C-alpha atoms as a PDB file:
ATOM      1  CA  UNK A   1    -214.085-135.220 119.170  1.00  0.00           C
ATOM      2  CA  UNK A   2    -214.150-131.880 121.066  1.00  0.00           C
ATOM      3  CA  UNK A   3    -210.537-132.309 122.074  1.00  0.00           C
ATOM      4  CA  UNK A   4    -209.598-132.999 118.471  1.00  0.00           C
ATOM      5  CA  UNK A   5    -211.433-129.840 117.319  1.00  0.00           C
ATOM      6  CA  UNK A   6    -209.761-127.688 119.973  1.00  0.00           C
ATOM      7  CA  UNK A   7    -206.324-129.164 118.977  1.00  0.00           C
ATOM      8  CA  UNK A   8    -206.982-128.438 115.356  1.00  0.00           C
ATOM      9  CA  UNK A   9    -207.894-124.764 116.150  1.00  0.00           C
ATOM     10  CA  UNK A  10    -204.746-124.368 118.246  1.00  0.00           C
ATOM     11  CA  UNK A  11    -202.627-125.798 115.404  1.00  0.00           C
ATOM     12  CA  UNK A  12    -204.314-123.380 112.970  1.00  0.00           C
ATOM     13  CA  UNK A  13    -203.783-120.374 115.224  1.00  0.00           C
ATOM     14  CA  UNK A  14    -200.180-121.397 115.835  1.00  0.00           C
ATOM     15  CA  UNK A  15    -199.589-121.584 112.144  1.00  0.00           C
ATOM     16  CA  UNK A  16    -201.100-118.239 111.495  1.00  0.00           C
ATOM     17  CA  UNK A  17    -199.019-116.637 114.259  1.00  0.00           C
ATOM     18  CA  UNK A  18    -195.921-117.940 112.563  1.00  0.00           C
ATOM     19  CA  UNK A  19    -196.863-116.340 109.211  1.00  0.00           C
ATOM     20  CA  UNK A  20    -197.755-112.907 110.771  1.00  0.00           C
ATOM     21  CA  UNK A  21    -197.512-110.325 107.875  1.00  0.00           C
ATOM     22  CA  UNK A  22    -194.285-108.321 107.986  1.00  0.00           C
ATOM     23  CA  UNK A  23    -194.208-104.512 108.179  1.00  0.00           C
ATOM     24  CA  UNK A  24    -192.024-102.198 105.983  1.00  0.00           C
ATOM     25  CA  UNK A  25    -191.072 -98.747 107.302  1.00  0.00           C
ATOM     26  CA  UNK A  26    -190.120 -96.113 104.616  1.00  0.00           C
ATOM     27  CA  UNK A  27    -189.064 -92.585 105.231  1.00  0.00           C
ATOM     28  CA  UNK A  28    -188.812 -90.225 102.265  1.00  0.00           C
ATOM     29  CA  UNK A  29    -186.670 -87.105 102.701  1.00  0.00           C
ATOM     30  CA  UNK A  30    -187.041 -84.599  99.920  1.00  0.00           C
ATOM     31  CA  UNK A  31    -184.483 -81.827  99.621  1.00  0.00           C
ATOM     32  CA  UNK A  32    -186.366 -78.791  98.325  1.00  0.00           C
ATOM     33  CA  UNK A  33    -183.435 -76.378  98.190  1.00  0.00           C
ATOM     34  CA  UNK A  34    -182.647 -76.792  94.421  1.00  0.00           C
ATOM     35  CA  UNK A  35    -185.095 -77.437  91.564  1.00  0.00           C
ATOM     36  CA  UNK A  36    -182.464 -79.596  89.882  1.00  0.00           C
ATOM     37  CA  UNK A  37    -182.841 -82.259  92.664  1.00  0.00           C
ATOM     38  CA  UNK A  38    -185.305 -85.038  91.679  1.00  0.00           C
ATOM     39  CA  UNK A  39    -188.686 -84.998  93.226  1.00  0.00           C
ATOM     40  CA  UNK A  40    -190.061 -88.087  94.963  1.00  0.00           C
ATOM     41  CA  UNK A  41    -192.523 -90.003  92.874  1.00  0.00           C
ATOM     42  CA  UNK A  42    -194.511 -93.149  93.677  1.00  0.00           C
ATOM     43  CA  UNK A  43    -192.929 -95.079  90.856  1.00  0.00           C
ATOM     44  CA  UNK A  44    -189.616 -94.848  92.788  1.00  0.00           C
ATOM     45  CA  UNK A  45    -191.202 -96.086  95.900  1.00  0.00           C
ATOM     46  CA  UNK A  46    -193.278 -98.990  94.536  1.00  0.00           C
ATOM     47  CA  UNK A  47    -190.428-101.537  94.371  1.00  0.00           C
ATOM     48  CA  UNK A  48    -189.913-101.085  98.073  1.00  0.00           C
ATOM     49  CA  UNK A  49    -193.595-101.536  98.998  1.00  0.00           C
ATOM     50  CA  UNK A  50    -193.894-104.959  97.346  1.00  0.00           C
ATOM     51  CA  UNK A  51    -197.612-105.166  98.119  1.00  0.00           C
ATOM     52  CA  UNK A  52    -198.313-107.221  95.000  1.00  0.00           C
ATOM     53  CA  UNK A  53    -196.084-110.037  96.294  1.00  0.00           C
ATOM     54  CA  UNK A  54    -197.138-109.512  99.973  1.00  0.00           C
ATOM     55  CA  UNK A  55    -200.663-108.070  99.995  1.00  0.00           C
ATOM     56  CA  UNK A  56    -201.118-108.627 103.740  1.00  0.00           C
ATOM     57  CA  UNK A  57    -197.976-106.747 104.821  1.00  0.00           C
ATOM     58  CA  UNK A  58    -198.103-103.489 106.808  1.00  0.00           C
ATOM     59  CA  UNK A  59    -196.684-100.223 105.544  1.00  0.00           C
ATOM     60  CA  UNK A  60    -195.431 -97.210 107.616  1.00  0.00           C
ATOM     61  CA  UNK A  61    -194.508 -94.447 105.162  1.00  0.00           C
ATOM     62  CA  UNK A  62    -193.386 -90.972 106.229  1.00  0.00           C
ATOM     63  CA  UNK A  63    -192.463 -87.850 104.173  1.00  0.00           C
ATOM     64  CA  UNK A  64    -190.436 -84.912 105.374  1.00  0.00           C
ATOM     65  CA  UNK A  65    -189.119 -82.047 103.275  1.00  0.00           C
ATOM     66  CA  UNK A  66    -185.542 -80.748 103.731  1.00  0.00           C
ATOM     67  CA  UNK A  67    -185.068 -77.006 103.931  1.00  0.00           C
ATOM     68  CA  UNK A  68    -183.148 -74.409 105.956  1.00  0.00           C
ATOM     69  CA  UNK A  69    -184.217 -75.568 109.395  1.00  0.00           C
ATOM     70  CA  UNK A  70    -183.572 -78.851 111.194  1.00  0.00           C
ATOM     71  CA  UNK A  71    -187.157 -79.479 112.157  1.00  0.00           C
ATOM     72  CA  UNK A  72    -189.771 -79.822 109.446  1.00  0.00           C
ATOM     73  CA  UNK A  73    -193.284 -81.360 109.660  1.00  0.00           C
ATOM     74  CA  UNK A  74    -193.529 -85.123 109.122  1.00  0.00           C
ATOM     75  CA  UNK A  75    -196.469 -86.499 107.071  1.00  0.00           C
ATOM     76  CA  UNK A  76    -197.262 -90.159 107.904  1.00  0.00           C
ATOM     77  CA  UNK A  77    -199.357 -92.682 106.049  1.00  0.00           C
ATOM     78  CA  UNK A  78    -200.118 -96.027 107.632  1.00  0.00           C
ATOM     79  CA  UNK A  79    -201.422 -99.275 106.174  1.00  0.00           C
ATOM     80  CA  UNK A  80    -201.970-101.803 108.990  1.00  0.00           C
ATOM     81  CA  UNK A  81    -201.062-105.499 108.323  1.00  0.00           C
ATOM     82  CA  UNK A  82    -204.008-107.634 107.279  1.00  0.00           C
ATOM     83  CA  UNK A  83    -205.797-109.548 109.979  1.00  0.00           C
ATOM     84  CA  UNK A  84    -206.218-113.319 109.928  1.00  0.00           C
ATOM     85  CA  UNK A  85    -209.833-113.096 108.909  1.00  0.00           C
ATOM     86  CA  UNK A  86    -209.734-109.910 106.784  1.00  0.00           C
ATOM     87  CA  UNK A  87    -211.748-109.856 103.604  1.00  0.00           C
ATOM     88  CA  UNK A  88    -209.595-110.181 100.466  1.00  0.00           C
ATOM     89  CA  UNK A  89    -211.602-107.658  98.453  1.00  0.00           C
ATOM     90  CA  UNK A  90    -211.568-105.115 101.228  1.00  0.00           C
ATOM     91  CA  UNK A  91    -207.776-105.623 101.579  1.00  0.00           C
ATOM     92  CA  UNK A  92    -207.344-104.769  97.901  1.00  0.00           C
ATOM     93  CA  UNK A  93    -209.452-101.699  98.405  1.00  0.00           C
ATOM     94  CA  UNK A  94    -207.369-100.633 101.403  1.00  0.00           C
ATOM     95  CA  UNK A  95    -204.169-101.069  99.394  1.00  0.00           C
ATOM     96  CA  UNK A  96    -205.501 -99.006  96.506  1.00  0.00           C
ATOM     97  CA  UNK A  97    -206.583 -96.335  98.910  1.00  0.00           C
ATOM     98  CA  UNK A  98    -203.178 -96.237 100.561  1.00  0.00           C
ATOM     99  CA  UNK A  99    -201.394 -96.045  97.166  1.00  0.00           C
ATOM    100  CA  UNK A 100    -203.578 -93.187  96.075  1.00  0.00           C
ATOM    101  CA  UNK A 101    -202.938 -91.369  99.332  1.00  0.00           C
ATOM    102  CA  UNK A 102    -199.148 -91.760  98.819  1.00  0.00           C
ATOM    103  CA  UNK A 103    -199.376 -90.439  95.242  1.00  0.00           C
ATOM    104  CA  UNK A 104    -201.559 -87.505  96.411  1.00  0.00           C
ATOM    105  CA  UNK A 105    -199.175 -86.667  99.228  1.00  0.00           C
ATOM    106  CA  UNK A 106    -196.092 -86.625  97.024  1.00  0.00           C
ATOM    107  CA  UNK A 107    -197.791 -84.751  94.178  1.00  0.00           C
ATOM    108  CA  UNK A 108    -199.121 -82.026  96.515  1.00  0.00           C
ATOM    109  CA  UNK A 109    -195.699 -81.409  98.027  1.00  0.00           C
ATOM    110  CA  UNK A 110    -193.968 -81.504  94.631  1.00  0.00           C
ATOM    111  CA  UNK A 111    -196.325 -78.782  93.331  1.00  0.00           C
ATOM    112  CA  UNK A 112    -195.601 -76.563  96.378  1.00  0.00           C
ATOM    113  CA  UNK A 113    -193.229 -73.582  95.732  1.00  0.00           C
ATOM    114  CA  UNK A 114    -190.294 -73.548  98.163  1.00  0.00           C
ATOM    115  CA  UNK A 115    -187.890 -70.745  98.834  1.00  0.00           C
ATOM    116  CA  UNK A 116    -185.128 -72.262 101.057  1.00  0.00           C
ATOM    117  CA  UNK A 117    -181.688 -70.620 101.142  1.00  0.00           C
ATOM    118  CA  UNK A 118    -180.031 -73.230 103.337  1.00  0.00           C
ATOM    119  CA  UNK A 119    -180.040 -77.044 103.318  1.00  0.00           C
ATOM    120  CA  UNK A 120    -179.880 -78.750 106.671  1.00  0.00           C
ATOM    121  CA  UNK A 121    -179.634 -82.334 105.463  1.00  0.00           C
ATOM    122  CA  UNK A 122    -177.437 -84.390 107.654  1.00  0.00           C
ATOM    123  CA  UNK A 123    -179.312 -83.760 110.917  1.00  0.00           C
ATOM    124  CA  UNK A 124    -182.610 -84.847 109.303  1.00  0.00           C
ATOM    125  CA  UNK A 125    -180.896 -87.931 107.850  1.00  0.00           C
ATOM    126  CA  UNK A 126    -179.370 -89.148 111.111  1.00  0.00           C
ATOM    127  CA  UNK A 127    -182.474 -88.342 113.102  1.00  0.00           C
ATOM    128  CA  UNK A 128    -184.755 -90.473 110.788  1.00  0.00           C
ATOM    129  CA  UNK A 129    -182.110 -93.323 110.483  1.00  0.00           C
ATOM    130  CA  UNK A 130    -182.265 -93.595 114.197  1.00  0.00           C
ATOM    131  CA  UNK A 131    -185.997 -93.679 114.264  1.00  0.00           C
ATOM    132  CA  UNK A 132    -186.085 -96.322 111.515  1.00  0.00           C
ATOM    133  CA  UNK A 133    -183.577 -98.392 113.502  1.00  0.00           C
ATOM    134  CA  UNK A 134    -186.006 -98.338 116.481  1.00  0.00           C
ATOM    135  CA  UNK A 135    -189.111 -98.966 114.342  1.00  0.00           C
ATOM    136  CA  UNK A 136    -191.047-102.192 114.747  1.00  0.00           C
ATOM    137  CA  UNK A 137    -190.621-103.363 111.163  1.00  0.00           C
ATOM    138  CA  UNK A 138    -188.784-106.053 109.297  1.00  0.00           C
ATOM    139  CA  UNK A 139    -187.627-103.917 106.352  1.00  0.00           C
ATOM    140  CA  UNK A 140    -186.427-100.245 106.987  1.00  0.00           C
ATOM    141  CA  UNK A 141    -185.637 -97.816 104.212  1.00  0.00           C
ATOM    142  CA  UNK A 142    -184.748 -94.173 103.983  1.00  0.00           C
ATOM    143  CA  UNK A 143    -185.020 -92.749 100.501  1.00  0.00           C
ATOM    144  CA  UNK A 144    -183.114 -89.479 100.323  1.00  0.00           C
ATOM    145  CA  UNK A 145    -183.667 -87.122  97.284  1.00  0.00           C
ATOM    146  CA  UNK A 146    -180.760 -84.740  97.683  1.00  0.00           C
ATOM    147  CA  UNK A 147    -177.484 -83.605  96.234  1.00  0.00           C
ATOM    148  CA  UNK A 148    -176.056 -83.983  99.805  1.00  0.00           C
ATOM    149  CA  UNK A 149    -174.566 -80.411  99.681  1.00  0.00           C
ATOM    150  CA  UNK A 150    -174.907 -79.479 103.336  1.00  0.00           C
ATOM    151  CA  UNK A 151    -175.390 -75.721 104.033  1.00  0.00           C
ATOM    152  CA  UNK A 152    -176.091 -75.428 107.736  1.00  0.00           C
ATOM    153  CA  UNK A 153    -174.363 -74.840 111.025  1.00  0.00           C
ATOM    154  CA  UNK A 154    -172.692 -78.174 110.687  1.00  0.00           C
ATOM    155  CA  UNK A 155    -170.910 -77.316 107.379  1.00  0.00           C
ATOM    156  CA  UNK A 156    -171.335 -74.930 104.438  1.00  0.00           C
ATOM    157  CA  UNK A 157    -170.601 -76.622 101.194  1.00  0.00           C
ATOM    158  CA  UNK A 158    -170.509 -73.388  99.239  1.00  0.00           C
ATOM    159  CA  UNK A 159    -168.217 -71.242 101.356  1.00  0.00           C
ATOM    160  CA  UNK A 160    -165.937 -74.276 101.924  1.00  0.00           C
ATOM    161  CA  UNK A 161    -166.295 -75.867  98.482  1.00  0.00           C
ATOM    162  CA  UNK A 162    -162.510 -76.203  98.027  1.00  0.00           C
ATOM    163  CA  UNK A 163    -162.179 -78.034 101.356  1.00  0.00           C
ATOM    164  CA  UNK A 164    -164.866 -80.595 100.695  1.00  0.00           C
ATOM    165  CA  UNK A 165    -163.560 -81.287  97.209  1.00  0.00           C
ATOM    166  CA  UNK A 166    -159.948 -81.761  98.255  1.00  0.00           C
ATOM    167  CA  UNK A 167    -160.252 -83.138 101.782  1.00  0.00           C
ATOM    168  CA  UNK A 168    -163.624 -84.915 102.162  1.00  0.00           C
ATOM    169  CA  UNK A 169    -161.960 -87.211 104.745  1.00  0.00           C
ATOM    170  CA  UNK A 170    -161.179 -84.244 106.943  1.00  0.00           C
ATOM    171  CA  UNK A 171    -164.706 -82.915 106.619  1.00  0.00           C
ATOM    172  CA  UNK A 172    -166.008 -86.370 107.668  1.00  0.00           C
ATOM    173  CA  UNK A 173    -163.738 -86.477 110.678  1.00  0.00           C
ATOM    174  CA  UNK A 174    -164.991 -83.061 111.745  1.00  0.00           C
ATOM    175  CA  UNK A 175    -168.651 -83.950 111.335  1.00  0.00           C
ATOM    176  CA  UNK A 176    -168.166 -87.175 113.419  1.00  0.00           C
ATOM    177  CA  UNK A 177    -167.260 -85.019 116.298  1.00  0.00           C
ATOM    178  CA  UNK A 178    -170.505 -83.083 115.996  1.00  0.00           C
ATOM    179  CA  UNK A 179    -173.030 -85.816 115.550  1.00  0.00           C
ATOM    180  CA  UNK A 180    -173.784 -89.207 117.198  1.00  0.00           C
ATOM    181  CA  UNK A 181    -174.139 -92.124 114.896  1.00  0.00           C
ATOM    182  CA  UNK A 182    -175.315 -95.304 116.664  1.00  0.00           C
ATOM    183  CA  UNK A 183    -175.735 -98.883 115.315  1.00  0.00           C
ATOM    184  CA  UNK A 184    -177.827 -98.719 112.168  1.00  0.00           C
ATOM    185  CA  UNK A 185    -177.602-102.284 110.952  1.00  0.00           C
ATOM    186  CA  UNK A 186    -180.840-103.463 109.280  1.00  0.00           C
ATOM    187  CA  UNK A 187    -181.474 -99.990 107.750  1.00  0.00           C
ATOM    188  CA  UNK A 188    -180.874 -99.085 104.083  1.00  0.00           C
ATOM    189  CA  UNK A 189    -180.278 -95.562 102.760  1.00  0.00           C
ATOM    190  CA  UNK A 190    -181.054 -94.873  99.129  1.00  0.00           C
ATOM    191  CA  UNK A 191    -179.636 -91.640  97.782  1.00  0.00           C
ATOM    192  CA  UNK A 192    -181.435 -90.343  94.627  1.00  0.00           C
ATOM    193  CA  UNK A 193    -179.852 -87.661  92.650  1.00  0.00           C
ATOM    194  CA  UNK A 194    -178.846 -86.836  89.007  1.00  0.00           C
ATOM    195  CA  UNK A 195    -175.877 -84.366  88.823  1.00  0.00           C
ATOM    196  CA  UNK A 196    -176.518 -82.120  85.879  1.00  0.00           C
ATOM    197  CA  UNK A 197    -173.074 -80.554  85.488  1.00  0.00           C
ATOM    198  CA  UNK A 198    -169.518 -81.781  86.036  1.00  0.00           C
ATOM    199  CA  UNK A 199    -169.210 -79.234  88.908  1.00  0.00           C
ATOM    200  CA  UNK A 200    -172.267 -80.719  90.640  1.00  0.00           C
ATOM    201  CA  UNK A 201    -170.975 -84.168  89.966  1.00  0.00           C
ATOM    202  CA  UNK A 202    -167.725 -83.449  91.756  1.00  0.00           C
ATOM    203  CA  UNK A 203    -169.444 -81.952  94.749  1.00  0.00           C
ATOM    204  CA  UNK A 204    -171.853 -84.855  94.940  1.00  0.00           C
ATOM    205  CA  UNK A 205    -169.063 -87.404  94.665  1.00  0.00           C
ATOM    206  CA  UNK A 206    -167.157 -85.630  97.514  1.00  0.00           C
ATOM    207  CA  UNK A 207    -170.312 -85.732  99.733  1.00  0.00           C
ATOM    208  CA  UNK A 208    -170.814 -89.444  98.906  1.00  0.00           C
ATOM    209  CA  UNK A 209    -167.332 -90.110 100.246  1.00  0.00           C
ATOM    210  CA  UNK A 210    -168.153 -88.139 103.370  1.00  0.00           C
ATOM    211  CA  UNK A 211    -171.302 -90.195 103.999  1.00  0.00           C
ATOM    212  CA  UNK A 212    -169.390 -93.438 103.384  1.00  0.00           C
ATOM    213  CA  UNK A 213    -166.873 -92.485 106.054  1.00  0.00           C
ATOM    214  CA  UNK A 214    -169.525 -91.195 108.481  1.00  0.00           C
ATOM    215  CA  UNK A 215    -171.553 -94.346 108.466  1.00  0.00           C
ATOM    216  CA  UNK A 216    -168.731 -96.855 107.866  1.00  0.00           C
ATOM    217  CA  UNK A 217    -168.867 -98.382 111.376  1.00  0.00           C
ATOM    218  CA  UNK A 218    -172.656 -98.112 111.834  1.00  0.00           C
ATOM    219  CA  UNK A 219    -173.780-101.056 109.740  1.00  0.00           C
ATOM    220  CA  UNK A 220    -175.942 -98.824 107.560  1.00  0.00           C
ATOM    221  CA  UNK A 221    -176.347-100.066 103.963  1.00  0.00           C
ATOM    222  CA  UNK A 222    -175.839 -97.142 101.582  1.00  0.00           C
ATOM    223  CA  UNK A 223    -177.010 -97.364  98.004  1.00  0.00           C
ATOM    224  CA  UNK A 224    -176.030 -94.380  95.868  1.00  0.00           C
ATOM    225  CA  UNK A 225    -177.553 -93.525  92.533  1.00  0.00           C
ATOM    226  CA  UNK A 226    -180.665 -94.327  90.531  1.00  0.00           C
ATOM    227  CA  UNK A 227    -181.646 -97.928  90.376  1.00  0.00           C
ATOM    228  CA  UNK A 228    -185.065 -98.955  89.236  1.00  0.00           C
ATOM    229  CA  UNK A 229    -184.577-102.411  90.637  1.00  0.00           C
ATOM    230  CA  UNK A 230    -183.828-101.261  94.222  1.00  0.00           C
ATOM    231  CA  UNK A 231    -185.649-102.970  96.986  1.00  0.00           C
ATOM    232  CA  UNK A 232    -186.248-106.116  94.863  1.00  0.00           C
END
């Protein structure tokens, strides 16, 4: 009888081990260099979190603002995966607390007044993509709120506007020589932006072409534009 009980416990533990809750890693990069660029809001992020379908999952969310320097503070929020014997009501409370913390974090930074003259975008993007690739998570997303218009030591979109519009492939080739892009398979990049003029639309389209060329061989999944069903 004792042997049977021990065997039953081992089977139960083995079964639980096989259904260990997954973890989703999400990094939000918010370009604060132009008020026209959409601000990150929790309703955009919710489809990626999918905690309603998987309440026991772990969440690793990080926010970083993009400005005129490469290194900006990172603001992390962590929801650990539920344990095997965790209380269901407590888990619901933990999820609610996490969601409120995300909403508060985004709202606080959206209300801040920024005065950036440059936009160092590509360095932050590649840096966080590499970190996501190395993250211990099943699902890995980078949500980028930006017009992609680089204005840094790598490239200045405004002084070389004609070049980027006419020869986006040459710009991409030059950037490839300046940055290292490793294997990024398993990571998804969402680019969130609404061009408000035909001029901005052309520049954004040119930069989308640059990003497509840059990451073509990396295995990165790039999703461009606003899609309320993303992550589902």
